[in-house]
């Protein structure tokens, strides 16, 4: 595998990122094109893109919040709180051809390191049962079933304390 580089998302990334999103999530869970465009333009600080040979192959996006855990309203535009001490990861996705090669881990580690450097207190996300152990490898602790029912799925609240 070639060397991975990570950078912030740019408006020109929308089409390839939308393809990764729809390849990674069922229709009820996938962000819309308008939502991804909003996140790229307004939440660029926490929208990381993994690049191989100049092509986006994965991404992670999130926002800062004052909430303890993810609730469904956080997925709607306008729910970021720049003064929040918690980073909520909204999406982590890798193109199917590049999965199981460490790309998601690289994006997640980069995000966690940046959050530490910026003085955030914690990072939260939701995941399905089969991913709990994956996120635990990065220091996340499981806090039970989430209040989020995004896309009609059952999610687990996960938290990584940074301080």
C-alpha atoms as a PDB file:
ATOM      1  CA  UNK A   1       0.000   0.000   0.000  1.00  0.00           C
ATOM      2  CA  UNK A   2       1.198   3.521  -0.757  1.00  0.00           C
ATOM      3  CA  UNK A   3       1.687   6.102   1.931  1.00  0.00           C
ATOM      4  CA  UNK A   4      -1.440   7.603   3.410  1.00  0.00           C
ATOM      5  CA  UNK A   5      -1.686  11.347   3.868  1.00  0.00           C
ATOM      6  CA  UNK A   6      -4.360  13.072   5.908  1.00  0.00           C
ATOM      7  CA  UNK A   7      -5.670  16.549   5.223  1.00  0.00           C
ATOM      8  CA  UNK A   8      -8.770  18.626   5.814  1.00  0.00           C
ATOM      9  CA  UNK A   9     -11.657  18.189   3.394  1.00  0.00           C
ATOM     10  CA  UNK A  10     -12.063  20.650   0.544  1.00  0.00           C
ATOM     11  CA  UNK A  11     -15.198  21.487  -1.475  1.00  0.00           C
ATOM     12  CA  UNK A  12     -13.848  19.563  -4.489  1.00  0.00           C
ATOM     13  CA  UNK A  13     -13.843  16.382  -2.390  1.00  0.00           C
ATOM     14  CA  UNK A  14     -17.634  16.220  -2.157  1.00  0.00           C
ATOM     15  CA  UNK A  15     -18.293  13.711  -4.957  1.00  0.00           C
ATOM     16  CA  UNK A  16     -15.689  11.101  -3.935  1.00  0.00           C
ATOM     17  CA  UNK A  17     -16.590  11.496  -0.251  1.00  0.00           C
ATOM     18  CA  UNK A  18     -20.267  11.049  -1.039  1.00  0.00           C
ATOM     19  CA  UNK A  19     -19.405   7.803  -2.862  1.00  0.00           C
ATOM     20  CA  UNK A  20     -17.499   6.558   0.206  1.00  0.00           C
ATOM     21  CA  UNK A  21     -20.440   7.559   2.439  1.00  0.00           C
ATOM     22  CA  UNK A  22     -23.025   5.687   0.365  1.00  0.00           C
ATOM     23  CA  UNK A  23     -20.730   2.648   0.038  1.00  0.00           C
ATOM     24  CA  UNK A  24     -20.256   2.587   3.821  1.00  0.00           C
ATOM     25  CA  UNK A  25     -23.701   3.180   5.288  1.00  0.00           C
ATOM     26  CA  UNK A  26     -27.238   1.976   4.552  1.00  0.00           C
ATOM     27  CA  UNK A  27     -29.435   4.658   2.941  1.00  0.00           C
ATOM     28  CA  UNK A  28     -31.260   5.428   6.208  1.00  0.00           C
ATOM     29  CA  UNK A  29     -27.941   6.115   7.982  1.00  0.00           C
ATOM     30  CA  UNK A  30     -25.913   7.794   5.238  1.00  0.00           C
ATOM     31  CA  UNK A  31     -25.528  11.552   5.250  1.00  0.00           C
ATOM     32  CA  UNK A  32     -27.082  13.367   2.325  1.00  0.00           C
ATOM     33  CA  UNK A  33     -24.993  15.222  -0.214  1.00  0.00           C
ATOM     34  CA  UNK A  34     -26.215  18.517   1.255  1.00  0.00           C
ATOM     35  CA  UNK A  35     -25.209  17.401   4.754  1.00  0.00           C
ATOM     36  CA  UNK A  36     -21.709  16.399   3.642  1.00  0.00           C
ATOM     37  CA  UNK A  37     -21.340  19.686   1.753  1.00  0.00           C
ATOM     38  CA  UNK A  38     -22.338  21.559   4.923  1.00  0.00           C
ATOM     39  CA  UNK A  39     -19.835  19.601   7.020  1.00  0.00           C
ATOM     40  CA  UNK A  40     -17.047  20.264   4.513  1.00  0.00           C
ATOM     41  CA  UNK A  41     -17.757  23.996   4.414  1.00  0.00           C
ATOM     42  CA  UNK A  42     -18.791  24.751   7.999  1.00  0.00           C
ATOM     43  CA  UNK A  43     -17.111  22.005  10.039  1.00  0.00           C
ATOM     44  CA  UNK A  44     -13.852  21.730   8.075  1.00  0.00           C
ATOM     45  CA  UNK A  45     -11.731  21.839  11.231  1.00  0.00           C
ATOM     46  CA  UNK A  46     -12.977  18.359  12.126  1.00  0.00           C
ATOM     47  CA  UNK A  47     -13.374  16.893   8.634  1.00  0.00           C
ATOM     48  CA  UNK A  48     -10.310  14.796   7.836  1.00  0.00           C
ATOM     49  CA  UNK A  49      -9.712  13.003   4.551  1.00  0.00           C
ATOM     50  CA  UNK A  50      -7.347  10.064   4.037  1.00  0.00           C
ATOM     51  CA  UNK A  51      -5.621  10.307   0.663  1.00  0.00           C
ATOM     52  CA  UNK A  52      -3.750   7.669  -1.368  1.00  0.00           C
ATOM     53  CA  UNK A  53      -2.097   8.789  -4.600  1.00  0.00           C
ATOM     54  CA  UNK A  54      -4.096  12.021  -4.515  1.00  0.00           C
ATOM     55  CA  UNK A  55      -7.431  10.203  -4.233  1.00  0.00           C
ATOM     56  CA  UNK A  56      -9.730  10.349  -1.175  1.00  0.00           C
ATOM     57  CA  UNK A  57     -10.144   6.822   0.216  1.00  0.00           C
ATOM     58  CA  UNK A  58     -11.590   7.543   3.647  1.00  0.00           C
ATOM     59  CA  UNK A  59     -12.757  10.265   5.965  1.00  0.00           C
ATOM     60  CA  UNK A  60     -13.703  11.171   9.502  1.00  0.00           C
ATOM     61  CA  UNK A  61     -15.901  14.096  10.427  1.00  0.00           C
ATOM     62  CA  UNK A  62     -17.227  15.535  13.618  1.00  0.00           C
ATOM     63  CA  UNK A  63     -18.028  18.657  15.561  1.00  0.00           C
ATOM     64  CA  UNK A  64     -17.527  20.127  18.993  1.00  0.00           C
ATOM     65  CA  UNK A  65     -20.472  19.997  21.355  1.00  0.00           C
ATOM     66  CA  UNK A  66     -21.538  20.655  24.930  1.00  0.00           C
ATOM     67  CA  UNK A  67     -23.570  17.443  25.036  1.00  0.00           C
ATOM     68  CA  UNK A  68     -22.432  14.380  26.956  1.00  0.00           C
ATOM     69  CA  UNK A  69     -23.232  11.956  24.130  1.00  0.00           C
ATOM     70  CA  UNK A  70     -24.598  11.954  20.602  1.00  0.00           C
ATOM     71  CA  UNK A  71     -28.310  12.548  20.169  1.00  0.00           C
ATOM     72  CA  UNK A  72     -30.087  12.623  16.829  1.00  0.00           C
ATOM     73  CA  UNK A  73     -30.286  16.415  16.573  1.00  0.00           C
ATOM     74  CA  UNK A  74     -26.487  16.611  16.366  1.00  0.00           C
ATOM     75  CA  UNK A  75     -26.642  15.326  12.786  1.00  0.00           C
ATOM     76  CA  UNK A  76     -28.581  18.425  11.698  1.00  0.00           C
ATOM     77  CA  UNK A  77     -26.764  21.597  10.588  1.00  0.00           C
ATOM     78  CA  UNK A  78     -26.254  24.264  13.222  1.00  0.00           C
ATOM     79  CA  UNK A  79     -25.677  21.995  16.225  1.00  0.00           C
ATOM     80  CA  UNK A  80     -21.953  22.575  16.607  1.00  0.00           C
ATOM     81  CA  UNK A  81     -20.733  24.492  19.672  1.00  0.00           C
ATOM     82  CA  UNK A  82     -17.234  25.867  19.042  1.00  0.00           C
ATOM     83  CA  UNK A  83     -16.780  26.383  22.790  1.00  0.00           C
ATOM     84  CA  UNK A  84     -17.709  22.763  23.563  1.00  0.00           C
ATOM     85  CA  UNK A  85     -15.090  20.579  25.216  1.00  0.00           C
ATOM     86  CA  UNK A  86     -16.338  17.378  23.591  1.00  0.00           C
ATOM     87  CA  UNK A  87     -15.678  16.271  20.041  1.00  0.00           C
ATOM     88  CA  UNK A  88     -18.513  14.177  18.618  1.00  0.00           C
ATOM     89  CA  UNK A  89     -17.420  11.970  15.730  1.00  0.00           C
ATOM     90  CA  UNK A  90     -20.316  11.832  13.287  1.00  0.00           C
ATOM     91  CA  UNK A  91     -18.839   9.540  10.678  1.00  0.00           C
ATOM     92  CA  UNK A  92     -15.777   7.403   9.992  1.00  0.00           C
ATOM     93  CA  UNK A  93     -15.800   5.688   6.615  1.00  0.00           C
ATOM     94  CA  UNK A  94     -13.299   3.999   4.300  1.00  0.00           C
ATOM     95  CA  UNK A  95     -13.790   3.007   0.680  1.00  0.00           C
ATOM     96  CA  UNK A  96     -14.503  -0.751   0.461  1.00  0.00           C
ATOM     97  CA  UNK A  97     -11.344  -1.417  -1.583  1.00  0.00           C
ATOM     98  CA  UNK A  98      -9.149   0.032   1.171  1.00  0.00           C
ATOM     99  CA  UNK A  99     -10.701  -1.400   4.334  1.00  0.00           C
ATOM    100  CA  UNK A 100      -8.718  -3.461   6.852  1.00  0.00           C
ATOM    101  CA  UNK A 101      -5.481  -1.681   5.920  1.00  0.00           C
ATOM    102  CA  UNK A 102      -5.208   0.714   8.864  1.00  0.00           C
ATOM    103  CA  UNK A 103      -6.798   3.754   7.204  1.00  0.00           C
ATOM    104  CA  UNK A 104      -9.620   4.129   9.728  1.00  0.00           C
ATOM    105  CA  UNK A 105      -7.094   3.769  12.554  1.00  0.00           C
ATOM    106  CA  UNK A 106      -4.866   6.464  11.040  1.00  0.00           C
ATOM    107  CA  UNK A 107      -7.801   8.863  10.704  1.00  0.00           C
ATOM    108  CA  UNK A 108      -9.003   8.136  14.237  1.00  0.00           C
ATOM    109  CA  UNK A 109      -5.516   8.515  15.757  1.00  0.00           C
ATOM    110  CA  UNK A 110      -5.008  11.800  13.928  1.00  0.00           C
ATOM    111  CA  UNK A 111      -8.344  13.072  15.195  1.00  0.00           C
ATOM    112  CA  UNK A 112      -7.646  12.031  18.797  1.00  0.00           C
ATOM    113  CA  UNK A 113      -4.205  13.657  18.748  1.00  0.00           C
ATOM    114  CA  UNK A 114      -5.602  16.911  17.353  1.00  0.00           C
ATOM    115  CA  UNK A 115      -8.374  16.910  19.961  1.00  0.00           C
ATOM    116  CA  UNK A 116      -5.750  16.480  22.725  1.00  0.00           C
ATOM    117  CA  UNK A 117      -3.612  19.284  21.298  1.00  0.00           C
ATOM    118  CA  UNK A 118      -6.614  21.610  21.198  1.00  0.00           C
ATOM    119  CA  UNK A 119      -7.446  20.967  24.840  1.00  0.00           C
ATOM    120  CA  UNK A 120     -10.672  19.063  24.370  1.00  0.00           C
ATOM    121  CA  UNK A 121     -11.710  16.896  27.310  1.00  0.00           C
ATOM    122  CA  UNK A 122     -13.252  13.960  25.511  1.00  0.00           C
ATOM    123  CA  UNK A 123     -14.291  12.409  22.216  1.00  0.00           C
ATOM    124  CA  UNK A 124     -17.603  10.587  21.801  1.00  0.00           C
ATOM    125  CA  UNK A 125     -19.138   8.519  19.040  1.00  0.00           C
ATOM    126  CA  UNK A 126     -21.834   5.952  18.491  1.00  0.00           C
ATOM    127  CA  UNK A 127     -21.272   2.544  16.977  1.00  0.00           C
ATOM    128  CA  UNK A 128     -23.001  -0.761  16.434  1.00  0.00           C
ATOM    129  CA  UNK A 129     -22.339  -3.879  18.555  1.00  0.00           C
ATOM    130  CA  UNK A 130     -19.707  -5.351  16.272  1.00  0.00           C
ATOM    131  CA  UNK A 131     -17.511  -2.223  16.456  1.00  0.00           C
ATOM    132  CA  UNK A 132     -17.381  -1.778  20.242  1.00  0.00           C
ATOM    133  CA  UNK A 133     -14.144  -3.760  20.573  1.00  0.00           C
ATOM    134  CA  UNK A 134     -12.572  -1.894  17.660  1.00  0.00           C
ATOM    135  CA  UNK A 135     -13.056   1.483  19.327  1.00  0.00           C
ATOM    136  CA  UNK A 136     -11.970   0.130  22.711  1.00  0.00           C
ATOM    137  CA  UNK A 137      -8.504  -0.394  21.187  1.00  0.00           C
ATOM    138  CA  UNK A 138      -8.247   3.393  20.910  1.00  0.00           C
ATOM    139  CA  UNK A 139      -9.225   4.038  24.526  1.00  0.00           C
ATOM    140  CA  UNK A 140     -12.974   4.379  24.097  1.00  0.00           C
ATOM    141  CA  UNK A 141     -15.229   3.018  26.828  1.00  0.00           C
ATOM    142  CA  UNK A 142     -18.729   1.738  26.128  1.00  0.00           C
ATOM    143  CA  UNK A 143     -21.560   3.508  27.997  1.00  0.00           C
ATOM    144  CA  UNK A 144     -24.570   1.455  26.939  1.00  0.00           C
ATOM    145  CA  UNK A 145     -27.287   1.909  24.365  1.00  0.00           C
ATOM    146  CA  UNK A 146     -27.391   5.413  22.903  1.00  0.00           C
ATOM    147  CA  UNK A 147     -30.409   7.693  22.922  1.00  0.00           C
ATOM    148  CA  UNK A 148     -29.690   8.144  19.222  1.00  0.00           C
ATOM    149  CA  UNK A 149     -31.837   6.058  16.913  1.00  0.00           C
ATOM    150  CA  UNK A 150     -30.293   7.575  13.782  1.00  0.00           C
ATOM    151  CA  UNK A 151     -31.342   5.624  10.706  1.00  0.00           C
ATOM    152  CA  UNK A 152     -33.482   3.312  12.834  1.00  0.00           C
ATOM    153  CA  UNK A 153     -30.411   1.494  14.176  1.00  0.00           C
ATOM    154  CA  UNK A 154     -29.351   0.527  17.700  1.00  0.00           C
ATOM    155  CA  UNK A 155     -26.197   2.427  18.637  1.00  0.00           C
ATOM    156  CA  UNK A 156     -23.819   2.254  21.586  1.00  0.00           C
ATOM    157  CA  UNK A 157     -22.401   5.365  23.237  1.00  0.00           C
ATOM    158  CA  UNK A 158     -18.602   5.355  23.295  1.00  0.00           C
ATOM    159  CA  UNK A 159     -16.348   7.838  25.095  1.00  0.00           C
ATOM    160  CA  UNK A 160     -12.609   8.468  25.104  1.00  0.00           C
ATOM    161  CA  UNK A 161     -11.401  10.743  27.918  1.00  0.00           C
ATOM    162  CA  UNK A 162      -8.479  12.910  26.815  1.00  0.00           C
ATOM    163  CA  UNK A 163      -7.483  14.492  30.141  1.00  0.00           C
END
